[in-house]
């Protein structure tokens, strides 16, 4: 795809690719965001923009990518982030650029634990060490109708949204660092092993399977924020389906998240 610019206004750099997604629906959603100019750069080219100088013209960075997992091998190989990328990213977060992570971006760079701490959670495709403990691979479930409840109605990210709204999307059973994030909304889906499939089974040839996978119950948080000094971070768990991209509540939520992260609320 290369680089595509949408509209004019608040400048947003969007990193994509690394996981299948509905490109047309995603592009239409970005095009609909009022007062924003979104520049989409696919992996791995987007890594070059994780640089204080190259990113200086952008107000916010939106991550809808999933680097660090090489699916060309079986089982998938985990790839560590390049040292230059880590160094540039750490320099970038010292500035006031806003960071928004969507859906599968939670699985990015599994061998970079500091990134998970910044986002506020982790999705793993195989058993990993997380915060000094061995944890199982995460769980997924496609096309689940979920009702989301706003738990922080006064927060600017939730401005203009109803107390409850429904999306059909993919929930995750994964690591959420609840003590370190500010909750925005929850899902009414049941976050227990019986309602999910093993990610490791899926990438090793056994789709829609949870045999011998005894993942503990997980968090129902589906959106949260984090602040570290002047840095603002938003994570939104929904973001898998064309229906979600077209939903006016989700578009409002995403626009709010970008503006808040960029300190334009």
C-alpha atoms as a PDB file:
ATOM      1  CA  UNK A   1       0.000   0.000   0.000  1.00  0.00           C
ATOM      2  CA  UNK A   2       2.864   2.407   0.764  1.00  0.00           C
ATOM      3  CA  UNK A   3       1.835   5.730   2.296  1.00  0.00           C
ATOM      4  CA  UNK A   4      -1.682   7.138   2.034  1.00  0.00           C
ATOM      5  CA  UNK A   5      -2.865  10.511   3.353  1.00  0.00           C
ATOM      6  CA  UNK A   6      -6.442  11.172   4.445  1.00  0.00           C
ATOM      7  CA  UNK A   7      -7.920  14.643   4.751  1.00  0.00           C
ATOM      8  CA  UNK A   8      -6.407  17.503   6.716  1.00  0.00           C
ATOM      9  CA  UNK A   9      -6.213  18.656  10.317  1.00  0.00           C
ATOM     10  CA  UNK A  10      -4.760  16.979  13.390  1.00  0.00           C
ATOM     11  CA  UNK A  11      -1.935  14.795  12.080  1.00  0.00           C
ATOM     12  CA  UNK A  12      -2.002  11.086  12.903  1.00  0.00           C
ATOM     13  CA  UNK A  13       0.592   8.512  11.883  1.00  0.00           C
ATOM     14  CA  UNK A  14      -1.021   5.071  11.523  1.00  0.00           C
ATOM     15  CA  UNK A  15       1.077   1.881  11.599  1.00  0.00           C
ATOM     16  CA  UNK A  16      -0.667  -1.143  10.038  1.00  0.00           C
ATOM     17  CA  UNK A  17      -0.048  -4.684   8.751  1.00  0.00           C
ATOM     18  CA  UNK A  18       1.335  -7.751  10.527  1.00  0.00           C
ATOM     19  CA  UNK A  19      -2.163  -9.179  11.022  1.00  0.00           C
ATOM     20  CA  UNK A  20      -5.018  -9.626   8.504  1.00  0.00           C
ATOM     21  CA  UNK A  21      -7.630  -6.867   8.553  1.00  0.00           C
ATOM     22  CA  UNK A  22     -10.371  -5.344   6.414  1.00  0.00           C
ATOM     23  CA  UNK A  23      -8.362  -2.638   4.664  1.00  0.00           C
ATOM     24  CA  UNK A  24     -11.251  -0.903   2.905  1.00  0.00           C
ATOM     25  CA  UNK A  25     -13.327  -0.649   6.074  1.00  0.00           C
ATOM     26  CA  UNK A  26     -10.331   0.522   8.083  1.00  0.00           C
ATOM     27  CA  UNK A  27      -9.477   3.175   5.492  1.00  0.00           C
ATOM     28  CA  UNK A  28     -13.089   4.369   5.335  1.00  0.00           C
ATOM     29  CA  UNK A  29     -13.102   4.743   9.113  1.00  0.00           C
ATOM     30  CA  UNK A  30      -9.888   6.787   9.092  1.00  0.00           C
ATOM     31  CA  UNK A  31     -11.313   8.939   6.309  1.00  0.00           C
ATOM     32  CA  UNK A  32     -14.399   9.639   8.450  1.00  0.00           C
ATOM     33  CA  UNK A  33     -12.538  10.948  11.502  1.00  0.00           C
ATOM     34  CA  UNK A  34     -13.372  14.650  11.714  1.00  0.00           C
ATOM     35  CA  UNK A  35     -10.539  17.164  11.716  1.00  0.00           C
ATOM     36  CA  UNK A  36      -7.801  14.564  11.305  1.00  0.00           C
ATOM     37  CA  UNK A  37      -5.237  13.801   8.632  1.00  0.00           C
ATOM     38  CA  UNK A  38      -4.175  10.154   8.868  1.00  0.00           C
ATOM     39  CA  UNK A  39      -1.004   8.890   7.182  1.00  0.00           C
ATOM     40  CA  UNK A  40      -0.967   5.082   6.933  1.00  0.00           C
ATOM     41  CA  UNK A  41       2.425   3.346   6.769  1.00  0.00           C
ATOM     42  CA  UNK A  42       2.612  -0.432   6.706  1.00  0.00           C
ATOM     43  CA  UNK A  43       5.095  -2.629   8.549  1.00  0.00           C
ATOM     44  CA  UNK A  44       8.035  -2.827   8.359  1.00  0.00           C
ATOM     45  CA  UNK A  45       8.360   0.652   6.792  1.00  0.00           C
ATOM     46  CA  UNK A  46       6.422   2.190   9.695  1.00  0.00           C
ATOM     47  CA  UNK A  47       9.294   1.332  12.051  1.00  0.00           C
ATOM     48  CA  UNK A  48      11.381   4.036  10.391  1.00  0.00           C
ATOM     49  CA  UNK A  49       8.851   6.620  11.567  1.00  0.00           C
ATOM     50  CA  UNK A  50       9.324   5.628  15.215  1.00  0.00           C
ATOM     51  CA  UNK A  51      11.894   8.349  15.477  1.00  0.00           C
ATOM     52  CA  UNK A  52      11.710  11.697  17.301  1.00  0.00           C
ATOM     53  CA  UNK A  53      12.651  13.641  14.170  1.00  0.00           C
ATOM     54  CA  UNK A  54      10.477  11.829  11.626  1.00  0.00           C
ATOM     55  CA  UNK A  55       7.490  11.759  13.999  1.00  0.00           C
ATOM     56  CA  UNK A  56       7.856  15.398  14.999  1.00  0.00           C
ATOM     57  CA  UNK A  57       5.149  16.521  12.547  1.00  0.00           C
ATOM     58  CA  UNK A  58       2.516  14.192  14.034  1.00  0.00           C
ATOM     59  CA  UNK A  59       0.207  14.868  16.968  1.00  0.00           C
ATOM     60  CA  UNK A  60      -0.559  11.198  17.657  1.00  0.00           C
ATOM     61  CA  UNK A  61       0.557   7.713  16.637  1.00  0.00           C
ATOM     62  CA  UNK A  62      -2.095   5.050  16.055  1.00  0.00           C
ATOM     63  CA  UNK A  63      -0.877   1.442  16.151  1.00  0.00           C
ATOM     64  CA  UNK A  64      -2.889  -1.189  14.290  1.00  0.00           C
ATOM     65  CA  UNK A  65       0.028  -3.468  13.555  1.00  0.00           C
ATOM     66  CA  UNK A  66       1.610  -6.563  15.096  1.00  0.00           C
ATOM     67  CA  UNK A  67       5.376  -6.711  14.589  1.00  0.00           C
ATOM     68  CA  UNK A  68       7.631  -9.154  16.402  1.00  0.00           C
ATOM     69  CA  UNK A  69       5.833 -12.395  15.424  1.00  0.00           C
ATOM     70  CA  UNK A  70       7.001 -14.189  12.266  1.00  0.00           C
ATOM     71  CA  UNK A  71       4.142 -16.375  11.036  1.00  0.00           C
ATOM     72  CA  UNK A  72       6.147 -17.737   8.101  1.00  0.00           C
ATOM     73  CA  UNK A  73       7.571 -20.461  10.350  1.00  0.00           C
ATOM     74  CA  UNK A  74       5.841 -23.208  12.331  1.00  0.00           C
ATOM     75  CA  UNK A  75       5.463 -22.566  15.151  1.00  0.00           C
ATOM     76  CA  UNK A  76       5.742 -18.787  14.657  1.00  0.00           C
ATOM     77  CA  UNK A  77       9.112 -17.345  15.572  1.00  0.00           C
ATOM     78  CA  UNK A  78       9.327 -14.435  17.991  1.00  0.00           C
ATOM     79  CA  UNK A  79      11.560 -11.627  16.770  1.00  0.00           C
ATOM     80  CA  UNK A  80      13.154  -9.137  19.191  1.00  0.00           C
ATOM     81  CA  UNK A  81      12.790  -5.432  18.398  1.00  0.00           C
ATOM     82  CA  UNK A  82      15.848  -3.848  16.770  1.00  0.00           C
ATOM     83  CA  UNK A  83      17.926  -1.890  19.320  1.00  0.00           C
ATOM     84  CA  UNK A  84      17.587   1.294  17.242  1.00  0.00           C
ATOM     85  CA  UNK A  85      13.800   0.975  17.320  1.00  0.00           C
ATOM     86  CA  UNK A  86      13.760   0.608  21.109  1.00  0.00           C
ATOM     87  CA  UNK A  87      16.097   3.556  21.530  1.00  0.00           C
ATOM     88  CA  UNK A  88      14.070   5.771  19.170  1.00  0.00           C
ATOM     89  CA  UNK A  89      10.761   4.729  20.710  1.00  0.00           C
ATOM     90  CA  UNK A  90      12.009   5.532  24.209  1.00  0.00           C
ATOM     91  CA  UNK A  91      13.147   8.940  23.003  1.00  0.00           C
ATOM     92  CA  UNK A  92       9.804   9.499  21.318  1.00  0.00           C
ATOM     93  CA  UNK A  93       7.728   8.778  24.406  1.00  0.00           C
ATOM     94  CA  UNK A  94       9.651  11.481  26.257  1.00  0.00           C
ATOM     95  CA  UNK A  95       7.784  13.964  24.049  1.00  0.00           C
ATOM     96  CA  UNK A  96       4.074  14.813  24.126  1.00  0.00           C
ATOM     97  CA  UNK A  97       3.027  12.716  21.121  1.00  0.00           C
ATOM     98  CA  UNK A  98      -0.102  10.694  21.945  1.00  0.00           C
ATOM     99  CA  UNK A  99      -0.164   6.912  21.538  1.00  0.00           C
ATOM    100  CA  UNK A 100      -3.294   4.898  20.665  1.00  0.00           C
ATOM    101  CA  UNK A 101      -3.188   1.108  20.338  1.00  0.00           C
ATOM    102  CA  UNK A 102      -6.025  -0.880  18.736  1.00  0.00           C
ATOM    103  CA  UNK A 103      -7.006  -4.530  19.048  1.00  0.00           C
ATOM    104  CA  UNK A 104      -4.164  -6.834  17.913  1.00  0.00           C
ATOM    105  CA  UNK A 105      -1.497  -4.188  18.597  1.00  0.00           C
ATOM    106  CA  UNK A 106      -1.609  -5.695  22.100  1.00  0.00           C
ATOM    107  CA  UNK A 107       0.369  -8.633  20.653  1.00  0.00           C
ATOM    108  CA  UNK A 108       3.174  -6.487  19.226  1.00  0.00           C
ATOM    109  CA  UNK A 109       6.797  -7.311  20.044  1.00  0.00           C
ATOM    110  CA  UNK A 110       6.213 -10.037  22.665  1.00  0.00           C
ATOM    111  CA  UNK A 111       9.947 -10.031  23.461  1.00  0.00           C
ATOM    112  CA  UNK A 112       9.758  -6.338  24.443  1.00  0.00           C
ATOM    113  CA  UNK A 113       8.182  -6.405  27.934  1.00  0.00           C
ATOM    114  CA  UNK A 114       8.505  -2.643  28.433  1.00  0.00           C
ATOM    115  CA  UNK A 115       6.116  -2.077  25.533  1.00  0.00           C
ATOM    116  CA  UNK A 116       3.495  -4.210  27.262  1.00  0.00           C
ATOM    117  CA  UNK A 117       3.944  -2.163  30.423  1.00  0.00           C
ATOM    118  CA  UNK A 118       3.434   1.021  28.418  1.00  0.00           C
ATOM    119  CA  UNK A 119       0.258  -0.256  26.753  1.00  0.00           C
ATOM    120  CA  UNK A 120      -1.136  -1.840  29.922  1.00  0.00           C
ATOM    121  CA  UNK A 121      -1.467  -5.468  28.808  1.00  0.00           C
ATOM    122  CA  UNK A 122      -0.177  -8.310  26.636  1.00  0.00           C
ATOM    123  CA  UNK A 123      -1.569 -10.838  24.151  1.00  0.00           C
ATOM    124  CA  UNK A 124       0.691 -13.862  23.643  1.00  0.00           C
ATOM    125  CA  UNK A 125       0.675 -16.459  20.856  1.00  0.00           C
ATOM    126  CA  UNK A 126       2.614 -18.942  22.964  1.00  0.00           C
ATOM    127  CA  UNK A 127       3.422 -19.421  26.660  1.00  0.00           C
ATOM    128  CA  UNK A 128       5.637 -16.587  27.859  1.00  0.00           C
ATOM    129  CA  UNK A 129       7.155 -14.969  30.905  1.00  0.00           C
ATOM    130  CA  UNK A 130       5.121 -11.951  31.967  1.00  0.00           C
ATOM    131  CA  UNK A 131       6.021  -9.842  34.962  1.00  0.00           C
ATOM    132  CA  UNK A 132       8.274 -12.581  36.292  1.00  0.00           C
ATOM    133  CA  UNK A 133       5.688 -15.358  35.966  1.00  0.00           C
ATOM    134  CA  UNK A 134       5.105 -18.075  33.394  1.00  0.00           C
ATOM    135  CA  UNK A 135       1.758 -17.509  31.663  1.00  0.00           C
ATOM    136  CA  UNK A 136      -0.143 -19.430  29.015  1.00  0.00           C
ATOM    137  CA  UNK A 137      -0.829 -18.262  25.488  1.00  0.00           C
ATOM    138  CA  UNK A 138      -3.806 -15.934  25.181  1.00  0.00           C
ATOM    139  CA  UNK A 139      -7.320 -16.680  23.939  1.00  0.00           C
ATOM    140  CA  UNK A 140      -9.464 -15.357  21.110  1.00  0.00           C
ATOM    141  CA  UNK A 141     -13.036 -15.730  19.857  1.00  0.00           C
ATOM    142  CA  UNK A 142     -14.234 -14.327  16.536  1.00  0.00           C
ATOM    143  CA  UNK A 143     -17.424 -12.354  15.822  1.00  0.00           C
ATOM    144  CA  UNK A 144     -18.899 -12.122  19.298  1.00  0.00           C
ATOM    145  CA  UNK A 145     -21.741  -9.699  19.914  1.00  0.00           C
ATOM    146  CA  UNK A 146     -20.726  -7.742  22.990  1.00  0.00           C
ATOM    147  CA  UNK A 147     -22.376  -4.982  24.969  1.00  0.00           C
ATOM    148  CA  UNK A 148     -19.833  -2.485  26.211  1.00  0.00           C
ATOM    149  CA  UNK A 149     -20.528  -0.538  29.392  1.00  0.00           C
ATOM    150  CA  UNK A 150     -18.914   2.848  29.930  1.00  0.00           C
ATOM    151  CA  UNK A 151     -17.325   2.871  33.403  1.00  0.00           C
ATOM    152  CA  UNK A 152     -15.700   6.321  33.131  1.00  0.00           C
ATOM    153  CA  UNK A 153     -18.481   8.508  31.705  1.00  0.00           C
ATOM    154  CA  UNK A 154     -16.698  11.747  32.618  1.00  0.00           C
ATOM    155  CA  UNK A 155     -13.504  10.837  30.779  1.00  0.00           C
ATOM    156  CA  UNK A 156     -12.994  12.740  27.489  1.00  0.00           C
ATOM    157  CA  UNK A 157     -12.400   9.473  25.594  1.00  0.00           C
ATOM    158  CA  UNK A 158     -15.987   8.447  26.370  1.00  0.00           C
ATOM    159  CA  UNK A 159     -17.551  11.809  25.466  1.00  0.00           C
ATOM    160  CA  UNK A 160     -20.715  11.524  23.377  1.00  0.00           C
ATOM    161  CA  UNK A 161     -21.054   7.764  23.862  1.00  0.00           C
ATOM    162  CA  UNK A 162     -24.128   6.107  25.397  1.00  0.00           C
ATOM    163  CA  UNK A 163     -23.845   4.291  28.704  1.00  0.00           C
ATOM    164  CA  UNK A 164     -23.962   1.008  26.744  1.00  0.00           C
ATOM    165  CA  UNK A 165     -23.397   0.161  23.092  1.00  0.00           C
ATOM    166  CA  UNK A 166     -23.063  -3.084  21.138  1.00  0.00           C
ATOM    167  CA  UNK A 167     -20.423  -4.262  18.674  1.00  0.00           C
ATOM    168  CA  UNK A 168     -19.762  -7.634  17.066  1.00  0.00           C
ATOM    169  CA  UNK A 169     -16.024  -8.085  17.431  1.00  0.00           C
ATOM    170  CA  UNK A 170     -13.215 -10.345  18.656  1.00  0.00           C
ATOM    171  CA  UNK A 171     -12.583 -10.401  22.433  1.00  0.00           C
ATOM    172  CA  UNK A 172      -9.299 -11.522  23.975  1.00  0.00           C
ATOM    173  CA  UNK A 173      -8.542 -13.584  27.063  1.00  0.00           C
ATOM    174  CA  UNK A 174      -5.137 -12.114  27.846  1.00  0.00           C
ATOM    175  CA  UNK A 175      -2.960 -10.277  30.338  1.00  0.00           C
ATOM    176  CA  UNK A 176      -4.427  -6.947  31.461  1.00  0.00           C
ATOM    177  CA  UNK A 177      -2.497  -4.958  34.053  1.00  0.00           C
ATOM    178  CA  UNK A 178      -5.626  -3.722  35.809  1.00  0.00           C
ATOM    179  CA  UNK A 179      -3.796  -2.039  38.691  1.00  0.00           C
ATOM    180  CA  UNK A 180      -1.835   0.176  36.300  1.00  0.00           C
ATOM    181  CA  UNK A 181      -4.565   1.417  33.961  1.00  0.00           C
ATOM    182  CA  UNK A 182      -7.594   3.690  34.172  1.00  0.00           C
ATOM    183  CA  UNK A 183     -10.628   1.702  32.969  1.00  0.00           C
ATOM    184  CA  UNK A 184     -12.854   3.208  30.301  1.00  0.00           C
ATOM    185  CA  UNK A 185     -15.282   0.422  29.411  1.00  0.00           C
ATOM    186  CA  UNK A 186     -16.031  -3.243  30.011  1.00  0.00           C
ATOM    187  CA  UNK A 187     -17.452  -6.085  27.918  1.00  0.00           C
ATOM    188  CA  UNK A 188     -20.340  -8.293  29.011  1.00  0.00           C
ATOM    189  CA  UNK A 189     -18.760 -11.385  27.441  1.00  0.00           C
ATOM    190  CA  UNK A 190     -17.617 -14.215  29.762  1.00  0.00           C
ATOM    191  CA  UNK A 191     -13.845 -14.104  30.063  1.00  0.00           C
ATOM    192  CA  UNK A 192     -13.186 -17.694  31.027  1.00  0.00           C
ATOM    193  CA  UNK A 193     -11.421 -20.551  29.291  1.00  0.00           C
ATOM    194  CA  UNK A 194     -14.609 -22.251  28.095  1.00  0.00           C
ATOM    195  CA  UNK A 195     -15.552 -19.219  25.966  1.00  0.00           C
ATOM    196  CA  UNK A 196     -12.210 -18.844  24.138  1.00  0.00           C
ATOM    197  CA  UNK A 197      -9.823 -20.716  21.869  1.00  0.00           C
ATOM    198  CA  UNK A 198      -6.074 -21.092  22.349  1.00  0.00           C
ATOM    199  CA  UNK A 199      -3.917 -18.755  20.247  1.00  0.00           C
ATOM    200  CA  UNK A 200      -1.089 -21.282  20.233  1.00  0.00           C
ATOM    201  CA  UNK A 201      -3.381 -24.002  18.946  1.00  0.00           C
ATOM    202  CA  UNK A 202      -4.573 -21.634  16.201  1.00  0.00           C
ATOM    203  CA  UNK A 203      -1.084 -20.842  14.895  1.00  0.00           C
ATOM    204  CA  UNK A 204       0.041 -24.478  15.017  1.00  0.00           C
ATOM    205  CA  UNK A 205      -2.788 -25.830  12.884  1.00  0.00           C
ATOM    206  CA  UNK A 206      -5.661 -26.366  15.335  1.00  0.00           C
ATOM    207  CA  UNK A 207      -8.077 -23.488  14.843  1.00  0.00           C
ATOM    208  CA  UNK A 208     -10.991 -23.051  17.232  1.00  0.00           C
ATOM    209  CA  UNK A 209      -9.549 -25.405  19.831  1.00  0.00           C
ATOM    210  CA  UNK A 210      -8.978 -25.134  23.584  1.00  0.00           C
ATOM    211  CA  UNK A 211      -7.997 -28.743  24.352  1.00  0.00           C
ATOM    212  CA  UNK A 212      -5.486 -29.036  27.216  1.00  0.00           C
ATOM    213  CA  UNK A 213      -5.446 -25.246  27.527  1.00  0.00           C
ATOM    214  CA  UNK A 214      -6.329 -24.200  31.042  1.00  0.00           C
ATOM    215  CA  UNK A 215      -6.086 -20.443  30.926  1.00  0.00           C
ATOM    216  CA  UNK A 216      -7.272 -18.708  34.107  1.00  0.00           C
ATOM    217  CA  UNK A 217     -10.230 -16.314  34.013  1.00  0.00           C
ATOM    218  CA  UNK A 218      -9.355 -12.899  32.631  1.00  0.00           C
ATOM    219  CA  UNK A 219     -10.319  -9.249  32.702  1.00  0.00           C
ATOM    220  CA  UNK A 220     -13.464  -7.833  31.122  1.00  0.00           C
ATOM    221  CA  UNK A 221     -11.774  -4.460  30.526  1.00  0.00           C
ATOM    222  CA  UNK A 222     -12.141  -3.520  26.868  1.00  0.00           C
ATOM    223  CA  UNK A 223     -10.628  -0.029  26.912  1.00  0.00           C
ATOM    224  CA  UNK A 224      -8.329   1.914  29.177  1.00  0.00           C
ATOM    225  CA  UNK A 225      -5.860   4.779  29.411  1.00  0.00           C
ATOM    226  CA  UNK A 226      -2.422   5.241  30.929  1.00  0.00           C
ATOM    227  CA  UNK A 227      -0.441   8.367  31.701  1.00  0.00           C
ATOM    228  CA  UNK A 228       3.294   8.535  32.298  1.00  0.00           C
ATOM    229  CA  UNK A 229       4.467  12.082  32.861  1.00  0.00           C
ATOM    230  CA  UNK A 230       3.242  14.044  29.832  1.00  0.00           C
ATOM    231  CA  UNK A 231       2.694  10.873  27.797  1.00  0.00           C
ATOM    232  CA  UNK A 232      -0.887   9.719  27.212  1.00  0.00           C
ATOM    233  CA  UNK A 233      -1.730   6.192  26.051  1.00  0.00           C
ATOM    234  CA  UNK A 234      -5.101   4.682  25.060  1.00  0.00           C
ATOM    235  CA  UNK A 235      -5.840   1.027  24.337  1.00  0.00           C
ATOM    236  CA  UNK A 236      -9.127  -0.056  22.720  1.00  0.00           C
ATOM    237  CA  UNK A 237      -9.723  -3.817  22.520  1.00  0.00           C
ATOM    238  CA  UNK A 238     -12.421  -3.835  19.786  1.00  0.00           C
ATOM    239  CA  UNK A 239     -11.219  -3.283  16.238  1.00  0.00           C
ATOM    240  CA  UNK A 240     -11.456  -6.507  14.234  1.00  0.00           C
ATOM    241  CA  UNK A 241     -14.481  -6.343  11.940  1.00  0.00           C
ATOM    242  CA  UNK A 242     -15.789  -4.137   9.117  1.00  0.00           C
ATOM    243  CA  UNK A 243     -18.969  -3.692  11.170  1.00  0.00           C
ATOM    244  CA  UNK A 244     -16.950  -2.232  14.014  1.00  0.00           C
ATOM    245  CA  UNK A 245     -15.097   0.123  11.656  1.00  0.00           C
ATOM    246  CA  UNK A 246     -18.429   1.354  10.262  1.00  0.00           C
ATOM    247  CA  UNK A 247     -20.125   1.776  13.641  1.00  0.00           C
ATOM    248  CA  UNK A 248     -20.674   5.431  14.560  1.00  0.00           C
ATOM    249  CA  UNK A 249     -20.075   4.779  18.268  1.00  0.00           C
ATOM    250  CA  UNK A 250     -16.719   3.161  17.550  1.00  0.00           C
ATOM    251  CA  UNK A 251     -15.718   5.978  15.226  1.00  0.00           C
ATOM    252  CA  UNK A 252     -16.610   8.483  17.948  1.00  0.00           C
ATOM    253  CA  UNK A 253     -14.607   6.457  20.469  1.00  0.00           C
ATOM    254  CA  UNK A 254     -11.537   6.340  18.237  1.00  0.00           C
ATOM    255  CA  UNK A 255     -11.683  10.045  17.408  1.00  0.00           C
ATOM    256  CA  UNK A 256     -12.015  10.865  21.115  1.00  0.00           C
ATOM    257  CA  UNK A 257      -9.062   8.593  21.954  1.00  0.00           C
ATOM    258  CA  UNK A 258      -6.801  10.251  19.399  1.00  0.00           C
ATOM    259  CA  UNK A 259      -7.748  13.762  20.487  1.00  0.00           C
ATOM    260  CA  UNK A 260      -7.238  12.972  24.167  1.00  0.00           C
ATOM    261  CA  UNK A 261      -3.910  11.248  23.593  1.00  0.00           C
ATOM    262  CA  UNK A 262      -2.781  14.221  21.500  1.00  0.00           C
ATOM    263  CA  UNK A 263      -4.029  16.661  24.175  1.00  0.00           C
ATOM    264  CA  UNK A 264      -6.610  18.121  21.810  1.00  0.00           C
ATOM    265  CA  UNK A 265      -9.717  17.250  23.878  1.00  0.00           C
END
